[in-house]
Amino acid sequence: MWPPPLSDTPQEFEARPRVDGKRIDQYLTSRYTDYSRAVIKRVIDAEAVLVNGRTVKASYRVRTGDLVSVRLPELPSTVPLPEDIPLELVYEDEWLTVVNKPAGMVTHPAKGNWKGTLVNALQFHFDELSTLAGEHRPGIVHRLDRDTTGLLVVVKSELAHRRLALQFEKREVKKEYLAIVFGVPTRHSEYVERPIGFHPTCREKMAIREPTEGGKTASTYYEIAERFRGFALLRCRPQTGRTHQIRVHLAHVGCPIVADRAYSGRDRLSVGDLVTPHERERAPGVDQEAVLIERQALHSHAIEFIHPITNEPLALRAQPPVDFARTLEALRRHRPA
């Protein structure tokens, strides 16, 4: 329920010249980094933000010398609470487990996502998890974006965590992703080697950035698994593990991932996007409004590594989920090469 209990004691400060002209919601979000912009806006809407003693709207432009008073809600505990969320386990033993993560699930709690994460589910299903990455990321040795599906390794002991993390650091863990993209790459296979860093204007995105601009080395190998008219299914093997790496690199080569709102500009793919005018005339009953997929069509399909305790090689696979498979079926029907 909103609003949650707000602090009885407001935080008060004077706006400095460097923030002159900035929206009040943006200013407060940058000042209080533990709160999302959505939460800050709701605090403003609840009239818990005063500027020079008067309530303001989120669009208010801050002026140098403004006296700002803010009453914020208490932050939730950083220790994730157990939640009874079903998990699909692809592999499990006493040292580690491999989960097939669904779309829409954040890997670990963070600003704006304190509940419903993979870590909340892990806390419910497992009695022991490594805390080497901190109490708020138990068992986590690597991560997947919220809407990327597929294989993710979770470690139960600190010894297993240290050894597996070393394999990731040395780039000995082999990962393969499947991606459905707009367009068909000009080359059947290619290494994309371009540095990646934070986007200069949009904090939710990454971008190709030179080292002088904060970019870090990033390399992705891809090959075409299946061709369609105007689309392709790619196998991608990232050699490094930068945030949004595959998504940024594929967009860079002119083939952004289907339904990737951040990098393709579209957040869904419908049957109508694939049907040709001839098909519309021949089969008027086709439901063109039917949505095929409404999240980035990226799936962590395979992972190979050496078991950190037994030293046995592990090679695991997870088939794409229903929306991904449905999109491929529609492409084969409406857009065969």
C-alpha atoms as a PDB file:
ATOM      1  CA  MET A   1       0.000   0.000   0.000  1.00  0.00           C
ATOM      2  CA  TRP A   2       1.204   3.525  -0.797  1.00  0.00           C
ATOM      3  CA  PRO A   3       2.348   5.610   0.814  1.00  0.00           C
ATOM      4  CA  PRO A   4       4.369   3.469   3.246  1.00  0.00           C
ATOM      5  CA  PRO A   5       5.360   5.067   6.557  1.00  0.00           C
ATOM      6  CA  LEU A   6       7.461   8.139   5.806  1.00  0.00           C
ATOM      7  CA  SER A   7      10.169   9.517   8.049  1.00  0.00           C
ATOM      8  CA  ASP A   8       8.907  11.922  10.693  1.00  0.00           C
ATOM      9  CA  THR A   9      12.111  13.934  10.404  1.00  0.00           C
ATOM     10  CA  PRO A  10      12.589  15.509   6.961  1.00  0.00           C
ATOM     11  CA  GLN A  11      15.986  15.799   5.306  1.00  0.00           C
ATOM     12  CA  GLU A  12      16.662  19.407   4.401  1.00  0.00           C
ATOM     13  CA  PHE A  13      19.297  20.917   2.117  1.00  0.00           C
ATOM     14  CA  GLU A  14      19.965  23.790  -0.257  1.00  0.00           C
ATOM     15  CA  ALA A  15      20.202  23.207  -4.032  1.00  0.00           C
ATOM     16  CA  ARG A  16      23.678  23.923  -5.443  1.00  0.00           C
ATOM     17  CA  PRO A  17      24.386  25.720  -8.733  1.00  0.00           C
ATOM     18  CA  ARG A  18      25.386  22.477 -10.509  1.00  0.00           C
ATOM     19  CA  VAL A  19      21.777  21.212 -10.380  1.00  0.00           C
ATOM     20  CA  ASP A  20      20.164  24.425 -11.580  1.00  0.00           C
ATOM     21  CA  GLY A  21      17.391  23.641 -14.077  1.00  0.00           C
ATOM     22  CA  LYS A  22      17.223  19.918 -13.298  1.00  0.00           C
ATOM     23  CA  ARG A  23      13.840  18.288 -12.691  1.00  0.00           C
ATOM     24  CA  ILE A  24      13.200  17.695  -9.002  1.00  0.00           C
ATOM     25  CA  ASP A  25      12.460  13.976  -9.497  1.00  0.00           C
ATOM     26  CA  GLN A  26      15.721  13.475 -11.420  1.00  0.00           C
ATOM     27  CA  TYR A  27      17.649  15.492  -8.872  1.00  0.00           C
ATOM     28  CA  LEU A  28      16.346  13.522  -5.894  1.00  0.00           C
ATOM     29  CA  THR A  29      16.897  10.187  -7.677  1.00  0.00           C
ATOM     30  CA  SER A  30      20.542  11.081  -8.279  1.00  0.00           C
ATOM     31  CA  ARG A  31      20.913  12.256  -4.676  1.00  0.00           C
ATOM     32  CA  TYR A  32      19.184   9.243  -3.077  1.00  0.00           C
ATOM     33  CA  THR A  33      20.529   6.381  -5.191  1.00  0.00           C
ATOM     34  CA  ASP A  34      18.885   3.667  -3.076  1.00  0.00           C
ATOM     35  CA  TYR A  35      15.454   4.809  -4.266  1.00  0.00           C
ATOM     36  CA  SER A  36      14.129   4.357  -7.800  1.00  0.00           C
ATOM     37  CA  ARG A  37      12.806   7.306  -9.767  1.00  0.00           C
ATOM     38  CA  ALA A  38       9.317   5.775  -9.549  1.00  0.00           C
ATOM     39  CA  VAL A  39       9.493   5.777  -5.734  1.00  0.00           C
ATOM     40  CA  ILE A  40      10.757   9.359  -5.671  1.00  0.00           C
ATOM     41  CA  LYS A  41       7.876  10.440  -7.923  1.00  0.00           C
ATOM     42  CA  ARG A  42       5.372   8.789  -5.604  1.00  0.00           C
ATOM     43  CA  VAL A  43       6.959  10.547  -2.631  1.00  0.00           C
ATOM     44  CA  ILE A  44       6.491  13.848  -4.488  1.00  0.00           C
ATOM     45  CA  ASP A  45       2.877  12.940  -5.336  1.00  0.00           C
ATOM     46  CA  ALA A  46       2.307  12.215  -1.640  1.00  0.00           C
ATOM     47  CA  GLU A  47       3.343  15.837  -0.944  1.00  0.00           C
ATOM     48  CA  ALA A  48       6.328  14.672   1.072  1.00  0.00           C
ATOM     49  CA  VAL A  49       8.694  16.949  -0.866  1.00  0.00           C
ATOM     50  CA  LEU A  50       8.654  20.690  -0.215  1.00  0.00           C
ATOM     51  CA  VAL A  51      10.626  23.361  -2.047  1.00  0.00           C
ATOM     52  CA  ASN A  52      10.827  26.657  -0.197  1.00  0.00           C
ATOM     53  CA  GLY A  53       8.009  25.422   2.025  1.00  0.00           C
ATOM     54  CA  ARG A  54       5.605  24.580  -0.808  1.00  0.00           C
ATOM     55  CA  THR A  55       4.659  21.300  -2.498  1.00  0.00           C
ATOM     56  CA  VAL A  56       5.835  20.830  -6.085  1.00  0.00           C
ATOM     57  CA  LYS A  57       5.242  18.518  -9.029  1.00  0.00           C
ATOM     58  CA  ALA A  58       7.809  16.020 -10.323  1.00  0.00           C
ATOM     59  CA  SER A  59       8.458  18.293 -13.315  1.00  0.00           C
ATOM     60  CA  TYR A  60       9.497  21.252 -11.155  1.00  0.00           C
ATOM     61  CA  ARG A  61      12.868  22.680 -12.244  1.00  0.00           C
ATOM     62  CA  VAL A  62      15.272  23.189  -9.365  1.00  0.00           C
ATOM     63  CA  ARG A  63      16.840  26.611  -8.924  1.00  0.00           C
ATOM     64  CA  THR A  64      20.073  27.482  -7.187  1.00  0.00           C
ATOM     65  CA  GLY A  65      19.398  28.221  -3.540  1.00  0.00           C
ATOM     66  CA  ASP A  66      16.085  26.362  -3.344  1.00  0.00           C
ATOM     67  CA  LEU A  67      15.461  24.959   0.134  1.00  0.00           C
ATOM     68  CA  VAL A  68      14.386  21.347  -0.315  1.00  0.00           C
ATOM     69  CA  SER A  69      12.725  19.234   2.381  1.00  0.00           C
ATOM     70  CA  VAL A  70      12.194  15.481   1.815  1.00  0.00           C
ATOM     71  CA  ARG A  71      10.517  12.776   3.906  1.00  0.00           C
ATOM     72  CA  LEU A  72      11.451   9.349   2.538  1.00  0.00           C
ATOM     73  CA  PRO A  73      10.071   5.866   3.318  1.00  0.00           C
ATOM     74  CA  GLU A  74      12.257   3.383   5.124  1.00  0.00           C
ATOM     75  CA  LEU A  75      14.374   1.197   2.883  1.00  0.00           C
ATOM     76  CA  PRO A  76      13.572  -2.516   2.962  1.00  0.00           C
ATOM     77  CA  SER A  77      16.082  -4.850   4.540  1.00  0.00           C
ATOM     78  CA  THR A  78      19.001  -5.641   2.238  1.00  0.00           C
ATOM     79  CA  VAL A  79      18.857  -9.274   3.377  1.00  0.00           C
ATOM     80  CA  PRO A  80      16.478 -11.007   0.919  1.00  0.00           C
ATOM     81  CA  LEU A  81      13.545 -12.840   2.473  1.00  0.00           C
ATOM     82  CA  PRO A  82      12.564 -16.359   1.371  1.00  0.00           C
ATOM     83  CA  GLU A  83       9.650 -16.513  -1.078  1.00  0.00           C
ATOM     84  CA  ASP A  84       7.875 -19.634  -2.282  1.00  0.00           C
ATOM     85  CA  ILE A  85       8.521 -19.115  -5.986  1.00  0.00           C
ATOM     86  CA  PRO A  86       8.735 -22.240  -8.197  1.00  0.00           C
ATOM     87  CA  LEU A  87      12.108 -22.941  -9.805  1.00  0.00           C
ATOM     88  CA  GLU A  88      13.047 -25.242 -12.666  1.00  0.00           C
ATOM     89  CA  LEU A  89      16.269 -27.045 -11.757  1.00  0.00           C
ATOM     90  CA  VAL A  90      18.332 -28.443 -14.631  1.00  0.00           C
ATOM     91  CA  TYR A  91      21.050 -29.868 -12.356  1.00  0.00           C
ATOM     92  CA  GLU A  92      21.673 -30.152  -8.622  1.00  0.00           C
ATOM     93  CA  ASP A  93      24.155 -31.696  -6.204  1.00  0.00           C
ATOM     94  CA  GLU A  94      25.395 -30.811  -2.724  1.00  0.00           C
ATOM     95  CA  TRP A  95      27.706 -28.042  -4.001  1.00  0.00           C
ATOM     96  CA  LEU A  96      25.760 -26.280  -6.716  1.00  0.00           C
ATOM     97  CA  THR A  97      22.602 -26.148  -8.782  1.00  0.00           C
ATOM     98  CA  VAL A  98      21.754 -24.853 -12.247  1.00  0.00           C
ATOM     99  CA  VAL A  99      18.445 -23.038 -12.693  1.00  0.00           C
ATOM    100  CA  ASN A 100      16.470 -22.393 -15.884  1.00  0.00           C
ATOM    101  CA  LYS A 101      15.492 -18.765 -15.148  1.00  0.00           C
ATOM    102  CA  PRO A 102      12.150 -17.553 -16.527  1.00  0.00           C
ATOM    103  CA  ALA A 103      11.539 -14.187 -18.173  1.00  0.00           C
ATOM    104  CA  GLY A 104      10.592 -11.308 -15.898  1.00  0.00           C
ATOM    105  CA  MET A 105      12.680 -12.485 -12.939  1.00  0.00           C
ATOM    106  CA  VAL A 106      15.485 -10.263 -11.636  1.00  0.00           C
ATOM    107  CA  THR A 107      18.531 -12.240 -10.495  1.00  0.00           C
ATOM    108  CA  HIS A 108      19.056 -10.526  -7.140  1.00  0.00           C
ATOM    109  CA  PRO A 109      17.399  -7.748  -5.093  1.00  0.00           C
ATOM    110  CA  ALA A 110      18.327  -4.199  -6.038  1.00  0.00           C
ATOM    111  CA  LYS A 111      16.836  -0.737  -6.140  1.00  0.00           C
ATOM    112  CA  GLY A 112      13.204  -1.034  -7.192  1.00  0.00           C
ATOM    113  CA  ASN A 113      13.234  -4.858  -7.085  1.00  0.00           C
ATOM    114  CA  TRP A 114      13.314  -6.078  -3.507  1.00  0.00           C
ATOM    115  CA  LYS A 115      10.903  -8.990  -3.931  1.00  0.00           C
ATOM    116  CA  GLY A 116      10.185 -11.744  -6.430  1.00  0.00           C
ATOM    117  CA  THR A 117      13.827 -12.189  -7.429  1.00  0.00           C
ATOM    118  CA  LEU A 118      15.720 -15.406  -8.064  1.00  0.00           C
ATOM    119  CA  VAL A 119      17.559 -14.914  -4.766  1.00  0.00           C
ATOM    120  CA  ASN A 120      14.259 -14.698  -2.858  1.00  0.00           C
ATOM    121  CA  ALA A 121      13.286 -18.036  -4.410  1.00  0.00           C
ATOM    122  CA  LEU A 122      16.696 -19.587  -3.664  1.00  0.00           C
ATOM    123  CA  GLN A 123      16.422 -18.566  -0.010  1.00  0.00           C
ATOM    124  CA  PHE A 124      13.179 -20.544   0.209  1.00  0.00           C
ATOM    125  CA  HIS A 125      14.314 -23.686  -1.628  1.00  0.00           C
ATOM    126  CA  PHE A 126      17.864 -24.133  -0.264  1.00  0.00           C
ATOM    127  CA  ASP A 127      19.153 -24.288   3.296  1.00  0.00           C
ATOM    128  CA  GLU A 128      22.736 -23.446   2.359  1.00  0.00           C
ATOM    129  CA  LEU A 129      24.020 -20.899  -0.164  1.00  0.00           C
ATOM    130  CA  SER A 130      27.407 -19.246  -0.549  1.00  0.00           C
ATOM    131  CA  THR A 131      27.583 -15.715   0.850  1.00  0.00           C
ATOM    132  CA  LEU A 132      30.882 -14.899  -0.844  1.00  0.00           C
ATOM    133  CA  ALA A 133      29.144 -12.265  -2.991  1.00  0.00           C
ATOM    134  CA  GLY A 134      27.450 -10.743   0.064  1.00  0.00           C
ATOM    135  CA  GLU A 135      24.329 -11.442   2.100  1.00  0.00           C
ATOM    136  CA  HIS A 136      22.041  -9.845  -0.486  1.00  0.00           C
ATOM    137  CA  ARG A 137      23.391 -12.069  -3.313  1.00  0.00           C
ATOM    138  CA  PRO A 138      23.605 -15.533  -1.760  1.00  0.00           C
ATOM    139  CA  GLY A 139      24.661 -18.215  -4.239  1.00  0.00           C
ATOM    140  CA  ILE A 140      25.069 -15.801  -7.146  1.00  0.00           C
ATOM    141  CA  VAL A 141      28.247 -16.179  -9.215  1.00  0.00           C
ATOM    142  CA  HIS A 142      26.923 -14.656 -12.472  1.00  0.00           C
ATOM    143  CA  ARG A 143      23.637 -13.126 -13.612  1.00  0.00           C
ATOM    144  CA  LEU A 144      21.128 -12.787 -16.441  1.00  0.00           C
ATOM    145  CA  ASP A 145      19.086  -9.729 -17.382  1.00  0.00           C
ATOM    146  CA  ARG A 146      15.489  -9.647 -16.117  1.00  0.00           C
ATOM    147  CA  ASP A 147      13.935 -10.719 -19.429  1.00  0.00           C
ATOM    148  CA  THR A 148      16.707 -13.041 -20.599  1.00  0.00           C
ATOM    149  CA  THR A 149      15.783 -16.662 -19.968  1.00  0.00           C
ATOM    150  CA  GLY A 150      17.870 -19.779 -19.450  1.00  0.00           C
ATOM    151  CA  LEU A 151      20.721 -21.346 -17.541  1.00  0.00           C
ATOM    152  CA  LEU A 152      22.195 -19.746 -14.446  1.00  0.00           C
ATOM    153  CA  VAL A 153      24.589 -21.443 -12.015  1.00  0.00           C
ATOM    154  CA  VAL A 154      24.008 -21.104  -8.261  1.00  0.00           C
ATOM    155  CA  VAL A 155      26.663 -22.182  -5.721  1.00  0.00           C
ATOM    156  CA  LYS A 156      26.025 -23.526  -2.236  1.00  0.00           C
ATOM    157  CA  SER A 157      29.502 -23.473  -0.654  1.00  0.00           C
ATOM    158  CA  GLU A 158      32.155 -20.787  -0.558  1.00  0.00           C
ATOM    159  CA  LEU A 159      34.827 -23.191  -1.827  1.00  0.00           C
ATOM    160  CA  ALA A 160      32.710 -24.009  -4.890  1.00  0.00           C
ATOM    161  CA  HIS A 161      32.023 -20.290  -5.344  1.00  0.00           C
ATOM    162  CA  ARG A 162      35.716 -19.309  -5.289  1.00  0.00           C
ATOM    163  CA  ARG A 163      36.727 -22.016  -7.744  1.00  0.00           C
ATOM    164  CA  LEU A 164      33.849 -21.399 -10.160  1.00  0.00           C
ATOM    165  CA  ALA A 165      34.333 -17.627 -10.000  1.00  0.00           C
ATOM    166  CA  LEU A 166      37.959 -18.218 -11.011  1.00  0.00           C
ATOM    167  CA  GLN A 167      36.774 -20.151 -14.082  1.00  0.00           C
ATOM    168  CA  PHE A 168      34.546 -17.226 -15.036  1.00  0.00           C
ATOM    169  CA  GLU A 169      37.430 -14.804 -14.467  1.00  0.00           C
ATOM    170  CA  LYS A 170      39.750 -16.863 -16.699  1.00  0.00           C
ATOM    171  CA  ARG A 171      36.979 -17.131 -19.341  1.00  0.00           C
ATOM    172  CA  GLU A 172      36.980 -20.924 -19.095  1.00  0.00           C
ATOM    173  CA  VAL A 173      33.186 -21.177 -18.737  1.00  0.00           C
ATOM    174  CA  LYS A 174      31.584 -21.682 -22.155  1.00  0.00           C
ATOM    175  CA  LYS A 175      28.144 -20.108 -22.589  1.00  0.00           C
ATOM    176  CA  GLU A 176      25.901 -20.234 -25.630  1.00  0.00           C
ATOM    177  CA  TYR A 177      22.848 -18.047 -26.156  1.00  0.00           C
ATOM    178  CA  LEU A 178      20.140 -18.195 -28.795  1.00  0.00           C
ATOM    179  CA  ALA A 179      18.933 -14.851 -30.139  1.00  0.00           C
ATOM    180  CA  ILE A 180      16.240 -13.978 -32.678  1.00  0.00           C
ATOM    181  CA  VAL A 181      17.224 -10.762 -34.420  1.00  0.00           C
ATOM    182  CA  PHE A 182      15.857  -8.246 -36.887  1.00  0.00           C
ATOM    183  CA  GLY A 183      17.731  -8.522 -40.163  1.00  0.00           C
ATOM    184  CA  VAL A 184      20.265 -11.096 -41.338  1.00  0.00           C
ATOM    185  CA  PRO A 185      23.983 -10.474 -40.661  1.00  0.00           C
ATOM    186  CA  THR A 186      26.099 -10.019 -43.780  1.00  0.00           C
ATOM    187  CA  ARG A 187      28.547 -12.665 -42.521  1.00  0.00           C
ATOM    188  CA  HIS A 188      27.607 -16.207 -41.535  1.00  0.00           C
ATOM    189  CA  SER A 189      29.797 -15.914 -38.424  1.00  0.00           C
ATOM    190  CA  GLU A 190      31.877 -13.193 -36.856  1.00  0.00           C
ATOM    191  CA  TYR A 191      33.631 -11.961 -33.730  1.00  0.00           C
ATOM    192  CA  VAL A 192      32.366  -8.579 -32.551  1.00  0.00           C
ATOM    193  CA  GLU A 193      35.131  -6.969 -30.532  1.00  0.00           C
ATOM    194  CA  ARG A 194      34.039  -3.551 -29.345  1.00  0.00           C
ATOM    195  CA  PRO A 195      34.381  -2.069 -25.843  1.00  0.00           C
ATOM    196  CA  ILE A 196      31.226  -1.506 -23.811  1.00  0.00           C
ATOM    197  CA  GLY A 197      30.496   1.104 -21.170  1.00  0.00           C
ATOM    198  CA  PHE A 198      27.634   3.080 -19.708  1.00  0.00           C
ATOM    199  CA  HIS A 199      25.429   4.948 -22.172  1.00  0.00           C
ATOM    200  CA  PRO A 200      26.298   8.663 -22.065  1.00  0.00           C
ATOM    201  CA  THR A 201      22.703   9.849 -21.570  1.00  0.00           C
ATOM    202  CA  CYS A 202      20.538   6.845 -20.561  1.00  0.00           C
ATOM    203  CA  ARG A 203      21.542   5.159 -17.333  1.00  0.00           C
ATOM    204  CA  GLU A 204      19.425   2.042 -18.062  1.00  0.00           C
ATOM    205  CA  LYS A 205      21.466   1.270 -21.193  1.00  0.00           C
ATOM    206  CA  MET A 206      25.001   0.342 -22.177  1.00  0.00           C
ATOM    207  CA  ALA A 207      26.736   1.431 -25.378  1.00  0.00           C
ATOM    208  CA  ILE A 208      29.857   1.011 -27.482  1.00  0.00           C
ATOM    209  CA  ARG A 209      32.329   3.237 -25.641  1.00  0.00           C
ATOM    210  CA  GLU A 210      36.040   3.675 -26.207  1.00  0.00           C
ATOM    211  CA  PRO A 211      38.395   2.983 -23.273  1.00  0.00           C
ATOM    212  CA  THR A 212      38.953   6.721 -22.912  1.00  0.00           C
ATOM    213  CA  GLU A 213      35.178   7.011 -22.342  1.00  0.00           C
ATOM    214  CA  GLY A 214      35.078   4.240 -19.734  1.00  0.00           C
ATOM    215  CA  GLY A 215      34.482   1.339 -22.114  1.00  0.00           C
ATOM    216  CA  LYS A 216      35.764  -2.122 -21.176  1.00  0.00           C
ATOM    217  CA  THR A 217      36.973  -4.857 -23.514  1.00  0.00           C
ATOM    218  CA  ALA A 218      34.115  -7.004 -24.805  1.00  0.00           C
ATOM    219  CA  SER A 219      34.039  -9.808 -27.367  1.00  0.00           C
ATOM    220  CA  THR A 220      31.109 -11.825 -28.727  1.00  0.00           C
ATOM    221  CA  TYR A 221      31.185 -14.613 -31.320  1.00  0.00           C
ATOM    222  CA  TYR A 222      28.003 -15.269 -33.285  1.00  0.00           C
ATOM    223  CA  GLU A 223      26.962 -17.575 -36.112  1.00  0.00           C
ATOM    224  CA  ILE A 224      23.717 -17.870 -38.051  1.00  0.00           C
ATOM    225  CA  ALA A 225      21.722 -20.926 -37.003  1.00  0.00           C
ATOM    226  CA  GLU A 226      18.695 -20.266 -39.216  1.00  0.00           C
ATOM    227  CA  ARG A 227      17.778 -17.636 -41.799  1.00  0.00           C
ATOM    228  CA  PHE A 228      14.394 -16.055 -42.472  1.00  0.00           C
ATOM    229  CA  ARG A 229      13.272 -13.187 -44.657  1.00  0.00           C
ATOM    230  CA  GLY A 230      14.212 -10.146 -42.624  1.00  0.00           C
ATOM    231  CA  PHE A 231      15.095 -12.120 -39.489  1.00  0.00           C
ATOM    232  CA  ALA A 232      17.649 -14.636 -38.236  1.00  0.00           C
ATOM    233  CA  LEU A 233      18.256 -17.051 -35.383  1.00  0.00           C
ATOM    234  CA  LEU A 234      21.798 -16.665 -34.043  1.00  0.00           C
ATOM    235  CA  ARG A 235      24.005 -18.710 -31.744  1.00  0.00           C
ATOM    236  CA  CYS A 236      26.036 -16.320 -29.604  1.00  0.00           C
ATOM    237  CA  ARG A 237      29.048 -17.161 -27.454  1.00  0.00           C
ATOM    238  CA  PRO A 238      30.208 -14.221 -25.329  1.00  0.00           C
ATOM    239  CA  GLN A 239      33.920 -14.335 -24.545  1.00  0.00           C
ATOM    240  CA  THR A 240      33.551 -11.662 -21.847  1.00  0.00           C
ATOM    241  CA  GLY A 241      30.706 -10.891 -19.473  1.00  0.00           C
ATOM    242  CA  ARG A 242      29.814  -7.211 -19.782  1.00  0.00           C
ATOM    243  CA  THR A 243      26.334  -5.959 -18.894  1.00  0.00           C
ATOM    244  CA  HIS A 244      23.957  -6.233 -21.902  1.00  0.00           C
ATOM    245  CA  GLN A 245      26.925  -7.416 -23.984  1.00  0.00           C
ATOM    246  CA  ILE A 246      25.137  -9.565 -26.580  1.00  0.00           C
ATOM    247  CA  ARG A 247      22.296  -7.053 -26.892  1.00  0.00           C
ATOM    248  CA  VAL A 248      24.679  -4.138 -27.488  1.00  0.00           C
ATOM    249  CA  HIS A 249      26.960  -6.006 -29.901  1.00  0.00           C
ATOM    250  CA  LEU A 250      24.114  -7.320 -32.072  1.00  0.00           C
ATOM    251  CA  ALA A 251      22.536  -3.878 -32.240  1.00  0.00           C
ATOM    252  CA  HIS A 252      25.959  -2.522 -33.226  1.00  0.00           C
ATOM    253  CA  VAL A 253      26.174  -4.833 -36.259  1.00  0.00           C
ATOM    254  CA  GLY A 254      22.701  -3.748 -37.366  1.00  0.00           C
ATOM    255  CA  CYS A 255      20.767  -6.787 -36.124  1.00  0.00           C
ATOM    256  CA  PRO A 256      19.141  -5.862 -32.784  1.00  0.00           C
ATOM    257  CA  ILE A 257      17.358  -8.572 -30.839  1.00  0.00           C
ATOM    258  CA  VAL A 258      13.638  -8.869 -31.501  1.00  0.00           C
ATOM    259  CA  ALA A 259      11.406  -7.144 -28.893  1.00  0.00           C
ATOM    260  CA  ASP A 260      14.404  -5.625 -27.099  1.00  0.00           C
ATOM    261  CA  ARG A 261      12.879  -2.278 -26.195  1.00  0.00           C
ATOM    262  CA  ALA A 262      16.168  -0.731 -25.097  1.00  0.00           C
ATOM    263  CA  TYR A 263      18.172  -1.553 -28.223  1.00  0.00           C
ATOM    264  CA  SER A 264      15.648  -2.209 -31.011  1.00  0.00           C
ATOM    265  CA  GLY A 265      13.051   0.404 -30.054  1.00  0.00           C
ATOM    266  CA  ARG A 266      10.233  -2.175 -30.046  1.00  0.00           C
ATOM    267  CA  ASP A 267       8.952  -4.131 -27.050  1.00  0.00           C
ATOM    268  CA  ARG A 268       7.006  -6.888 -28.838  1.00  0.00           C
ATOM    269  CA  LEU A 269       6.584  -8.866 -32.043  1.00  0.00           C
ATOM    270  CA  SER A 270       3.133  -9.751 -33.350  1.00  0.00           C
ATOM    271  CA  VAL A 271       1.888 -12.014 -36.124  1.00  0.00           C
ATOM    272  CA  GLY A 272       0.937  -8.915 -38.112  1.00  0.00           C
ATOM    273  CA  ASP A 273       4.627  -7.903 -38.206  1.00  0.00           C
ATOM    274  CA  LEU A 274       5.386 -11.070 -40.195  1.00  0.00           C
ATOM    275  CA  VAL A 275       2.361 -11.584 -42.440  1.00  0.00           C
ATOM    276  CA  THR A 276       2.763 -10.416 -46.055  1.00  0.00           C
ATOM    277  CA  PRO A 277       0.001  -8.569 -47.975  1.00  0.00           C
ATOM    278  CA  HIS A 278      -0.498 -11.712 -50.090  1.00  0.00           C
ATOM    279  CA  GLU A 279      -1.092 -13.796 -46.964  1.00  0.00           C
ATOM    280  CA  ARG A 280      -3.599 -11.273 -45.658  1.00  0.00           C
ATOM    281  CA  GLU A 281      -5.642 -11.665 -48.827  1.00  0.00           C
ATOM    282  CA  ARG A 282      -5.324 -15.456 -48.925  1.00  0.00           C
ATOM    283  CA  ALA A 283      -5.973 -16.058 -45.225  1.00  0.00           C
ATOM    284  CA  PRO A 284      -8.040 -13.177 -43.825  1.00  0.00           C
ATOM    285  CA  GLY A 285      -8.727 -15.168 -40.659  1.00  0.00           C
ATOM    286  CA  VAL A 286      -5.128 -14.880 -39.431  1.00  0.00           C
ATOM    287  CA  ASP A 287      -5.075 -13.111 -36.066  1.00  0.00           C
ATOM    288  CA  GLN A 288      -2.584 -10.366 -36.835  1.00  0.00           C
ATOM    289  CA  GLU A 289      -2.926  -8.875 -33.353  1.00  0.00           C
ATOM    290  CA  ALA A 290      -1.669 -12.066 -31.680  1.00  0.00           C
ATOM    291  CA  VAL A 291       1.511 -11.266 -29.734  1.00  0.00           C
ATOM    292  CA  LEU A 292       4.365 -13.713 -30.272  1.00  0.00           C
ATOM    293  CA  ILE A 293       6.877 -12.335 -27.782  1.00  0.00           C
ATOM    294  CA  GLU A 294       7.052  -9.191 -25.634  1.00  0.00           C
ATOM    295  CA  ARG A 295      10.532  -9.332 -24.132  1.00  0.00           C
ATOM    296  CA  GLN A 296      13.973  -9.577 -25.710  1.00  0.00           C
ATOM    297  CA  ALA A 297      14.276 -12.859 -27.623  1.00  0.00           C
ATOM    298  CA  LEU A 298      17.463 -13.957 -25.875  1.00  0.00           C
ATOM    299  CA  HIS A 299      17.896 -17.354 -24.190  1.00  0.00           C
ATOM    300  CA  SER A 300      20.882 -18.799 -22.313  1.00  0.00           C
ATOM    301  CA  HIS A 301      20.781 -22.141 -24.083  1.00  0.00           C
ATOM    302  CA  ALA A 302      23.928 -23.990 -22.995  1.00  0.00           C
ATOM    303  CA  ILE A 303      26.724 -23.797 -20.446  1.00  0.00           C
ATOM    304  CA  GLU A 304      29.880 -25.881 -19.982  1.00  0.00           C
ATOM    305  CA  PHE A 305      32.333 -25.762 -17.094  1.00  0.00           C
ATOM    306  CA  ILE A 306      34.444 -27.966 -14.845  1.00  0.00           C
ATOM    307  CA  HIS A 307      32.697 -28.928 -11.624  1.00  0.00           C
ATOM    308  CA  PRO A 308      34.484 -26.851  -8.967  1.00  0.00           C
ATOM    309  CA  ILE A 309      34.649 -29.754  -6.465  1.00  0.00           C
ATOM    310  CA  THR A 310      34.645 -33.045  -8.431  1.00  0.00           C
ATOM    311  CA  ASN A 311      36.601 -31.668 -11.429  1.00  0.00           C
ATOM    312  CA  GLU A 312      34.194 -33.455 -13.760  1.00  0.00           C
ATOM    313  CA  PRO A 313      33.113 -31.608 -16.928  1.00  0.00           C
ATOM    314  CA  LEU A 314      29.496 -30.452 -16.942  1.00  0.00           C
ATOM    315  CA  ALA A 315      27.638 -29.637 -20.171  1.00  0.00           C
ATOM    316  CA  LEU A 316      24.031 -28.535 -19.675  1.00  0.00           C
ATOM    317  CA  ARG A 317      21.259 -27.453 -22.035  1.00  0.00           C
ATOM    318  CA  ALA A 318      17.863 -25.783 -21.663  1.00  0.00           C
ATOM    319  CA  GLN A 319      15.356 -25.540 -24.479  1.00  0.00           C
ATOM    320  CA  PRO A 320      13.892 -22.078 -25.203  1.00  0.00           C
ATOM    321  CA  PRO A 321      10.613 -21.175 -23.449  1.00  0.00           C
ATOM    322  CA  VAL A 322       7.176 -21.087 -25.072  1.00  0.00           C
ATOM    323  CA  ASP A 323       7.283 -17.489 -26.352  1.00  0.00           C
ATOM    324  CA  PHE A 324      10.675 -18.001 -28.009  1.00  0.00           C
ATOM    325  CA  ALA A 325       9.588 -21.276 -29.651  1.00  0.00           C
ATOM    326  CA  ARG A 326       6.300 -19.691 -30.755  1.00  0.00           C
ATOM    327  CA  THR A 327       8.194 -16.861 -32.461  1.00  0.00           C
ATOM    328  CA  LEU A 328      10.449 -19.310 -34.323  1.00  0.00           C
ATOM    329  CA  GLU A 329       7.428 -21.310 -35.477  1.00  0.00           C
ATOM    330  CA  ALA A 330       5.774 -18.148 -36.797  1.00  0.00           C
ATOM    331  CA  LEU A 331       8.942 -17.113 -38.626  1.00  0.00           C
ATOM    332  CA  ARG A 332       9.204 -20.521 -40.272  1.00  0.00           C
ATOM    333  CA  ARG A 333       5.605 -20.249 -41.387  1.00  0.00           C
ATOM    334  CA  HIS A 334       5.445 -16.633 -42.531  1.00  0.00           C
ATOM    335  CA  ARG A 335       9.064 -15.721 -43.286  1.00  0.00           C
ATOM    336  CA  PRO A 336      10.893 -18.803 -44.678  1.00  0.00           C
ATOM    337  CA  ALA A 337      14.211 -17.965 -46.303  1.00  0.00           C
END
